[in-house]
Protein backbone atom coordinates (compact mmCIF):
# COMPACT_ATOMS: atom_id res chain seq x y z
CA MET A 1 -1.10 6.93 -13.73
CA PRO A 2 -1.47 3.14 -13.75
CA ARG A 3 -1.36 1.38 -17.06
CA LEU A 4 -4.54 -0.66 -17.61
CA ALA A 5 -5.02 -3.18 -20.38
CA LEU A 6 -8.66 -4.20 -20.60
CA GLY A 7 -9.79 -7.66 -21.53
CA ARG A 8 -6.84 -9.83 -20.51
CA ALA A 9 -6.11 -11.57 -17.26
CA LEU A 10 -2.77 -10.96 -15.60
CA ASN A 11 -2.27 -14.56 -14.61
CA PRO A 12 -3.48 -16.66 -17.53
CA GLY A 13 -4.56 -20.04 -16.25
CA GLY A 14 -4.68 -18.69 -12.69
CA SER A 15 -7.50 -19.36 -10.27
CA GLN A 16 -9.14 -15.99 -10.80
CA ASP A 17 -10.46 -14.38 -13.98
CA LEU A 18 -9.53 -10.77 -13.50
CA GLY A 19 -11.02 -9.33 -16.66
CA TYR A 20 -8.22 -6.77 -16.99
CA ALA A 21 -4.50 -6.48 -16.53
CA LEU A 22 -2.98 -3.84 -14.35
CA ASP A 23 0.64 -2.82 -14.35
CA MET A 24 1.24 -0.40 -11.49
CA LYS A 25 4.38 1.05 -10.02
CA ILE A 26 4.13 0.41 -6.30
CA GLY A 27 6.55 1.60 -3.66
CA ILE A 28 6.71 -0.13 -0.29
CA VAL A 29 8.12 1.88 2.60
CA GLY A 30 9.23 -0.76 5.06
CA SER A 31 11.45 -3.80 4.81
CA ASP A 32 10.52 -6.21 7.59
CA ASP A 33 9.06 -9.68 7.01
CA ARG A 34 5.51 -8.30 6.75
CA ALA A 35 6.57 -5.75 4.10
CA VAL A 36 8.26 -8.54 2.12
CA ALA A 37 5.11 -10.71 2.35
CA ILE A 38 2.99 -7.80 1.06
CA GLY A 39 5.58 -7.29 -1.68
CA ARG A 40 5.33 -10.94 -2.74
CA LEU A 41 1.55 -10.61 -2.93
CA LEU A 42 1.77 -7.47 -5.07
CA ARG A 43 4.46 -8.99 -7.29
CA SER A 44 2.13 -11.95 -7.95
CA GLY A 45 -0.27 -9.43 -9.50
CA GLY A 46 2.37 -8.32 -12.00
CA HIS A 47 3.14 -4.98 -10.36
CA GLN A 48 6.52 -3.24 -10.53
CA LEU A 49 7.85 -2.84 -6.99
CA THR A 50 10.40 -0.80 -5.12
CA PHE A 51 11.33 -1.07 -1.45
CA GLY A 52 12.54 1.79 0.70
CA ASP A 53 13.44 1.96 4.35
CA PRO A 54 13.99 5.36 5.98
CA ARG A 55 16.33 3.83 8.58
CA GLU A 56 18.12 0.92 6.92
CA LYS A 57 18.97 1.17 3.22
CA GLU A 58 20.73 -2.21 3.23
CA ARG A 59 17.64 -3.90 4.67
CA ALA A 60 15.54 -2.34 1.88
CA ARG A 61 18.05 -3.66 -0.65
CA ARG A 62 17.72 -7.20 0.76
CA ALA A 63 13.91 -7.00 0.87
CA ALA A 64 13.80 -5.83 -2.74
CA ALA A 65 16.18 -8.58 -3.89
CA SER A 66 14.07 -11.25 -2.17
CA VAL A 67 11.04 -10.46 -4.38
CA GLY A 68 12.81 -9.44 -7.58
CA ALA A 69 12.32 -5.71 -7.06
CA ARG A 70 14.71 -2.80 -6.60
CA ASP A 71 15.41 -0.45 -3.73
CA GLU A 72 14.81 3.28 -3.81
CA ILE A 73 14.73 6.13 -1.30
CA PRO A 74 11.21 6.79 0.06
CA TYR A 75 11.02 10.36 -1.32
CA LYS A 76 11.70 9.14 -4.85
CA GLN A 77 9.17 6.33 -4.37
CA ALA A 78 6.53 8.91 -3.40
CA MET A 79 7.21 10.92 -6.54
CA SER A 80 7.44 8.06 -9.05
CA SER A 81 4.94 5.43 -7.84
CA ASP A 82 1.24 5.03 -8.55
CA LEU A 83 0.72 3.64 -5.03
CA LEU A 84 2.97 4.06 -2.00
CA LEU A 85 2.35 1.54 0.79
CA LEU A 86 3.49 2.47 4.27
CA THR A 87 4.10 -0.84 6.03
CA VAL A 88 6.29 0.36 8.89
CA PRO A 89 5.46 -0.35 12.54
CA GLN A 90 3.46 2.34 14.34
CA GLY A 91 6.55 3.64 16.17
CA GLU A 92 8.32 4.44 12.87
CA VAL A 93 5.52 6.42 11.19
CA ASP A 94 7.04 9.86 11.81
CA THR A 95 10.40 8.76 10.40
CA ALA A 96 8.64 7.34 7.32
CA VAL A 97 6.58 10.51 6.86
CA SER A 98 9.75 12.64 7.05
CA ALA A 99 11.46 10.41 4.48
CA VAL A 100 8.47 10.51 2.11
CA GLY A 101 7.94 14.27 2.43
CA SER A 102 4.81 16.18 1.57
CA GLY A 103 3.40 16.62 -1.89
CA ALA A 104 3.62 12.93 -2.82
CA GLU A 105 2.35 12.16 -6.31
CA ALA A 106 1.42 8.61 -5.31
CA ILE A 107 -1.76 7.46 -3.65
CA ILE A 108 -0.74 6.66 -0.07
CA VAL A 109 -1.86 3.26 1.20
CA ASP A 110 -1.81 3.14 4.98
CA ALA A 111 -0.90 -0.47 5.76
CA ILE A 112 0.79 0.46 9.04
CA GLU A 113 1.01 -2.37 11.51
CA ALA A 114 -0.73 -1.97 14.90
CA GLU A 115 -1.93 1.51 14.01
CA ARG A 116 -3.89 3.57 16.52
CA GLY A 117 -5.29 7.04 16.22
CA SER A 118 -5.20 9.80 18.74
CA GLY A 119 -8.34 11.06 20.41
CA SER A 120 -11.16 11.58 17.94
CA HIS A 121 -9.13 10.88 14.77
CA SER A 122 -8.05 7.57 13.28
CA GLY A 123 -4.39 6.92 12.61
CA ALA A 124 -5.14 7.13 8.88
CA GLU A 125 -6.68 10.59 9.34
CA VAL A 126 -3.62 11.70 11.31
CA LEU A 127 -1.38 10.31 8.55
CA ALA A 128 -3.37 12.14 5.85
CA HIS A 129 -2.96 15.37 7.81
CA LYS A 130 0.80 14.83 8.27
CA LEU A 131 1.22 14.16 4.55
CA ASP A 132 -1.21 16.93 3.57
CA SER A 133 -3.03 14.54 1.24
CA HIS A 134 -6.67 13.57 0.70
CA ARG A 135 -5.47 10.56 -1.33
CA VAL A 136 -4.80 8.30 1.66
CA VAL A 137 -6.47 4.86 1.75
CA ARG A 138 -6.35 2.69 4.87
CA ALA A 139 -5.96 -0.99 3.94
CA LEU A 140 -6.02 -3.64 6.65
CA ILE A 141 -3.67 -6.28 5.20
CA ASN A 142 -3.53 -8.94 7.90
CA MET A 143 -3.05 -11.92 5.61
CA PRO A 144 -0.98 -10.90 2.56
CA GLN A 145 -2.09 -13.77 0.34
CA SER A 146 -4.28 -14.33 -2.69
CA GLY A 147 -7.92 -14.77 -1.72
CA ALA A 148 -7.71 -12.42 1.27
CA ASN A 149 -10.53 -9.95 1.88
CA ILE A 150 -8.95 -6.57 2.64
CA PRO A 151 -11.12 -3.84 4.18
CA ILE A 152 -10.31 -0.33 2.93
CA CYS A 153 -11.35 3.20 3.93
CA GLY A 154 -10.68 6.49 2.20
CA ASP A 155 -12.13 9.87 1.30
CA ASP A 156 -11.11 9.88 -2.38
CA GLN A 157 -13.18 7.42 -4.42
CA ASN A 158 -10.72 7.30 -7.32
CA SER A 159 -7.90 6.38 -4.94
CA LYS A 160 -9.97 3.57 -3.44
CA VAL A 161 -10.77 2.25 -6.93
CA LEU A 162 -7.06 2.08 -7.83
CA VAL A 163 -6.18 0.35 -4.57
CA ASP A 164 -9.00 -2.13 -5.22
CA ARG A 165 -7.69 -2.82 -8.73
CA ALA A 166 -4.12 -3.31 -7.52
CA LEU A 167 -5.26 -5.83 -4.91
CA HIS A 168 -7.77 -7.51 -7.24
CA ALA A 169 -4.91 -8.16 -9.70
CA CYS A 170 -3.30 -10.22 -6.90
CA GLY A 171 -6.43 -12.31 -6.36
CA CYS A 172 -7.66 -10.35 -3.33
CA LEU A 173 -11.07 -8.90 -2.62
CA THR A 174 -11.63 -5.56 -0.96
CA THR A 175 -14.49 -4.33 1.16
CA ASP A 176 -15.10 -0.58 1.11
CA ARG A 177 -15.69 0.43 4.73
CA GLY A 178 -16.41 4.07 3.93
CA PRO A 179 -14.54 7.31 4.52
CA LEU A 180 -11.21 7.69 6.30
CA SER A 181 -13.06 8.68 9.48
CA ALA A 182 -14.25 5.05 9.67
CA ALA A 183 -10.66 3.77 9.62
CA SER A 184 -10.59 3.63 13.43
CA LYS A 185 -12.64 0.44 13.08
CA LEU A 186 -9.69 -1.07 11.19
CA GLU A 187 -7.12 -0.22 13.87
CA ALA A 188 -5.61 -2.18 16.70
CA PRO A 189 -7.53 -1.80 19.97
CA ALA A 190 -5.98 0.52 22.53
């Protein structure tokens, strides 16, 4: 579980008064420029990061080095992280899901780029089904920078609270948009 220290701000003298410090282990599955930008944002909040790429281990190594993190295989990230962000493009979701495996210990944060559902289910609902997890939170991270307002959806309230805290530590706000079934409103138009 995440390690919380109440009563102290993570970034003393920073522009936001957080009211608590949060030290989370966060795995990022993906290694493109967007994944690196999200990693920089999370690193600014004091989180411990790992990068994994199911297709290109060397690319994950470079992404990790660029933000002062380390690389790790996605399955190990899923078992040892508090949060696991999937930042891969839509076309690589199945490869990422296979690399992560089922039974992940981490809360899964669906930050998949250009995600679309199928039929009556959002992409986040389909992902939750593929991973056999109710601890999936959809987070629309368009602008990975401090001060961003990030809409989230999820069925597990505790998971949404932890995602909110992780992002709040980076100076972001979140807006709870309801259950995972509402995540289709946070997806790219067809």
